[in-house]
Amino acid sequence: MTYDRLVCANCAAPVAEGRCPVCRASRERLAPQGLSPAMVLTLVIALLGTLALLAAVRAV
């Protein structure tokens, strides 16, 4: 779930606006934090596929 639709229980404002300390803390906690494990795995598989394709092209 993204924080753009959440309403703060402390100030009744959208969390995305960050009006109070509770909103700002929730917004920081829900913000994306780098690469997900699924994204890293996808990148590794793509790299291995590219290396295999290069090896196959050179063998021909």
Protein backbone atom coordinates (compact mmCIF):
# COMPACT_ATOMS: atom_id res chain seq x y z
CA MET A 1 0.00 0.00 0.00
CA THR A 2 1.24 3.48 -0.75
CA TYR A 3 1.02 6.35 1.67
CA ASP A 4 -0.66 8.72 -0.80
CA ARG A 5 -4.11 7.33 0.15
CA LEU A 6 -3.53 6.99 3.91
CA VAL A 7 -5.09 9.41 6.40
CA CYS A 8 -3.23 10.13 9.63
CA ALA A 9 -5.08 9.21 12.83
CA ASN A 10 -3.22 11.97 14.68
CA CYS A 11 -4.08 15.02 12.53
CA ALA A 12 -6.68 13.64 10.05
CA ALA A 13 -4.64 14.90 7.08
CA PRO A 14 -3.22 12.82 4.23
CA VAL A 15 0.04 11.15 5.29
CA ALA A 16 1.64 12.25 2.01
CA GLU A 17 1.46 15.89 3.15
CA GLY A 18 3.46 15.19 6.33
CA ARG A 19 1.76 17.81 8.51
CA CYS A 20 2.60 16.28 11.89
CA PRO A 21 5.50 14.19 13.27
CA VAL A 22 3.39 11.02 13.03
CA CYS A 23 2.72 11.66 9.32
CA ARG A 24 6.38 12.34 8.61
CA ALA A 25 7.47 9.17 10.42
CA SER A 26 4.93 7.06 8.52
CA ARG A 27 5.93 8.63 5.22
CA GLU A 28 9.61 7.82 5.86
CA ARG A 29 8.78 4.25 6.87
CA LEU A 30 6.66 3.63 3.76
CA ALA A 31 9.06 5.25 1.27
CA PRO A 32 10.93 2.89 -1.08
CA GLN A 33 14.23 1.73 0.40
CA GLY A 34 16.50 0.74 -2.49
CA LEU A 35 16.34 -2.41 -4.58
CA SER A 36 13.99 -5.18 -3.56
CA PRO A 37 15.25 -8.78 -3.53
CA ALA A 38 12.98 -9.60 -6.49
CA MET A 39 14.51 -6.76 -8.50
CA VAL A 40 18.04 -7.92 -7.70
CA LEU A 41 17.16 -11.48 -8.74
CA THR A 42 15.66 -10.21 -12.00
CA LEU A 43 18.80 -8.22 -12.75
CA VAL A 44 21.03 -11.24 -12.07
CA ILE A 45 18.91 -13.45 -14.35
CA ALA A 46 19.02 -10.80 -17.09
CA LEU A 47 22.80 -10.55 -16.77
CA LEU A 48 23.22 -14.33 -16.96
CA GLY A 49 20.94 -14.48 -19.99
CA THR A 50 22.95 -11.77 -21.72
CA LEU A 51 26.21 -13.59 -21.00
CA ALA A 52 24.77 -16.87 -22.34
CA LEU A 53 23.56 -15.12 -25.49
CA LEU A 54 26.98 -13.55 -26.06
CA ALA A 55 28.67 -16.92 -25.59
CA ALA A 56 26.27 -18.54 -28.07
CA VAL A 57 26.87 -15.84 -30.67
CA ARG A 58 30.65 -16.16 -30.37
CA ALA A 59 30.47 -19.97 -30.69
CA VAL A 60 28.74 -19.76 -34.08
